[in-house]
Amino acid sequence: MDIAKMKMYYQKELWKKAMVDNLLKLGKITEEEYREIVGDSEI
């Protein structure tokens, strides 16, 4: 799945922040991709 689709899911609240946190922990996305998806400057 591409980052744009993940970001859309997050913005439409189909995914919660905890789900994106888990993707980062599992190594499925990078810290930069995480910030792009959730819009946070901090992890």
N, C-alpha and C. Protein backbone atom coordinates (compact mmCIF):
# COMPACT_ATOMS: atom_id res chain seq x y z
N MET A 1 0.85 -1.17 0.00
CA MET A 1 0.00 0.00 0.00
C MET A 1 0.90 1.23 0.00
N ASP A 2 0.53 2.23 -0.79
CA ASP A 2 1.37 3.42 -0.85
C ASP A 2 1.03 4.42 0.26
N ILE A 3 1.93 5.35 0.47
CA ILE A 3 1.80 6.32 1.56
C ILE A 3 0.58 7.21 1.38
N ALA A 4 0.27 7.60 0.16
CA ALA A 4 -0.89 8.46 -0.08
C ALA A 4 -2.18 7.78 0.37
N LYS A 5 -2.28 6.49 0.11
CA LYS A 5 -3.48 5.74 0.51
C LYS A 5 -3.53 5.61 2.04
N MET A 6 -2.39 5.36 2.66
CA MET A 6 -2.34 5.28 4.12
C MET A 6 -2.76 6.61 4.75
N LYS A 7 -2.27 7.70 4.17
CA LYS A 7 -2.60 9.03 4.68
C LYS A 7 -4.10 9.29 4.54
N MET A 8 -4.68 8.89 3.41
CA MET A 8 -6.12 9.06 3.20
C MET A 8 -6.91 8.27 4.24
N TYR A 9 -6.52 7.04 4.50
CA TYR A 9 -7.20 6.22 5.51
C TYR A 9 -7.14 6.89 6.88
N TYR A 10 -5.96 7.43 7.21
CA TYR A 10 -5.80 8.09 8.51
C TYR A 10 -6.66 9.35 8.59
N GLN A 11 -6.67 10.16 7.52
CA GLN A 11 -7.44 11.39 7.53
C GLN A 11 -8.94 11.14 7.58
N LYS A 12 -9.39 10.06 6.97
CA LYS A 12 -10.81 9.71 6.99
C LYS A 12 -11.18 8.93 8.24
N GLU A 13 -10.20 8.78 9.14
CA GLU A 13 -10.37 8.08 10.42
C GLU A 13 -10.73 6.61 10.27
N LEU A 14 -10.33 6.01 9.14
CA LEU A 14 -10.47 4.57 8.97
C LEU A 14 -9.36 3.87 9.75
N TRP A 15 -8.24 4.57 9.91
CA TRP A 15 -7.13 4.08 10.71
C TRP A 15 -6.93 5.03 11.88
N LYS A 16 -6.60 4.49 13.02
CA LYS A 16 -6.29 5.29 14.21
C LYS A 16 -4.78 5.48 14.30
N LYS A 17 -4.35 6.43 15.12
CA LYS A 17 -2.93 6.71 15.26
C LYS A 17 -2.18 5.47 15.76
N ALA A 18 -2.79 4.70 16.62
CA ALA A 18 -2.15 3.49 17.14
C ALA A 18 -1.83 2.51 16.02
N MET A 19 -2.67 2.46 15.00
CA MET A 19 -2.42 1.55 13.88
C MET A 19 -1.19 2.00 13.09
N VAL A 20 -1.07 3.32 12.90
CA VAL A 20 0.09 3.85 12.18
C VAL A 20 1.35 3.68 13.04
N ASP A 21 1.22 3.87 14.36
CA ASP A 21 2.35 3.63 15.27
C ASP A 21 2.85 2.20 15.13
N ASN A 22 1.92 1.26 15.03
CA ASN A 22 2.28 -0.15 14.90
C ASN A 22 3.02 -0.42 13.59
N LEU A 23 2.60 0.22 12.50
CA LEU A 23 3.31 0.06 11.22
C LEU A 23 4.76 0.52 11.35
N LEU A 24 4.96 1.62 12.07
CA LEU A 24 6.32 2.13 12.29
C LEU A 24 7.13 1.14 13.11
N LYS A 25 6.55 0.62 14.18
CA LYS A 25 7.25 -0.34 15.05
C LYS A 25 7.62 -1.61 14.30
N LEU A 26 6.75 -2.04 13.39
CA LEU A 26 7.00 -3.26 12.61
C LEU A 26 7.99 -3.03 11.47
N GLY A 27 8.34 -1.77 11.21
CA GLY A 27 9.28 -1.46 10.14
C GLY A 27 8.64 -1.41 8.77
N LYS A 28 7.32 -1.33 8.72
CA LYS A 28 6.61 -1.28 7.44
C LYS A 28 6.69 0.11 6.81
N ILE A 29 6.87 1.15 7.66
CA ILE A 29 7.03 2.51 7.17
C ILE A 29 8.21 3.16 7.90
N THR A 30 8.78 4.19 7.29
CA THR A 30 9.89 4.91 7.90
C THR A 30 9.36 6.03 8.79
N GLU A 31 10.25 6.64 9.58
CA GLU A 31 9.85 7.76 10.43
C GLU A 31 9.35 8.92 9.58
N GLU A 32 9.98 9.15 8.44
CA GLU A 32 9.56 10.23 7.53
C GLU A 32 8.15 9.96 6.99
N GLU A 33 7.88 8.73 6.60
CA GLU A 33 6.55 8.36 6.11
C GLU A 33 5.51 8.49 7.23
N TYR A 34 5.90 8.12 8.44
CA TYR A 34 5.01 8.26 9.60
C TYR A 34 4.59 9.71 9.78
N ARG A 35 5.58 10.60 9.75
CA ARG A 35 5.29 12.03 9.91
C ARG A 35 4.39 12.54 8.80
N GLU A 36 4.59 12.06 7.59
CA GLU A 36 3.75 12.47 6.46
C GLU A 36 2.31 12.01 6.66
N ILE A 37 2.13 10.80 7.16
CA ILE A 37 0.78 10.25 7.35
C ILE A 37 0.03 10.96 8.47
N VAL A 38 0.65 11.07 9.64
CA VAL A 38 -0.07 11.63 10.79
C VAL A 38 0.07 13.14 10.92
N GLY A 39 1.01 13.73 10.20
CA GLY A 39 1.18 15.17 10.25
C GLY A 39 1.85 15.67 11.52
N ASP A 40 2.49 14.78 12.25
CA ASP A 40 3.20 15.15 13.48
C ASP A 40 4.65 15.46 13.17
N SER A 41 5.20 16.40 13.94
CA SER A 41 6.63 16.66 13.81
C SER A 41 7.43 15.81 14.79
N GLU A 42 6.72 15.20 15.75
CA GLU A 42 7.38 14.34 16.74
C GLU A 42 6.83 12.93 16.67
N ILE A 43 7.67 12.00 17.08
CA ILE A 43 7.22 10.59 17.14
C ILE A 43 7.08 10.21 18.58
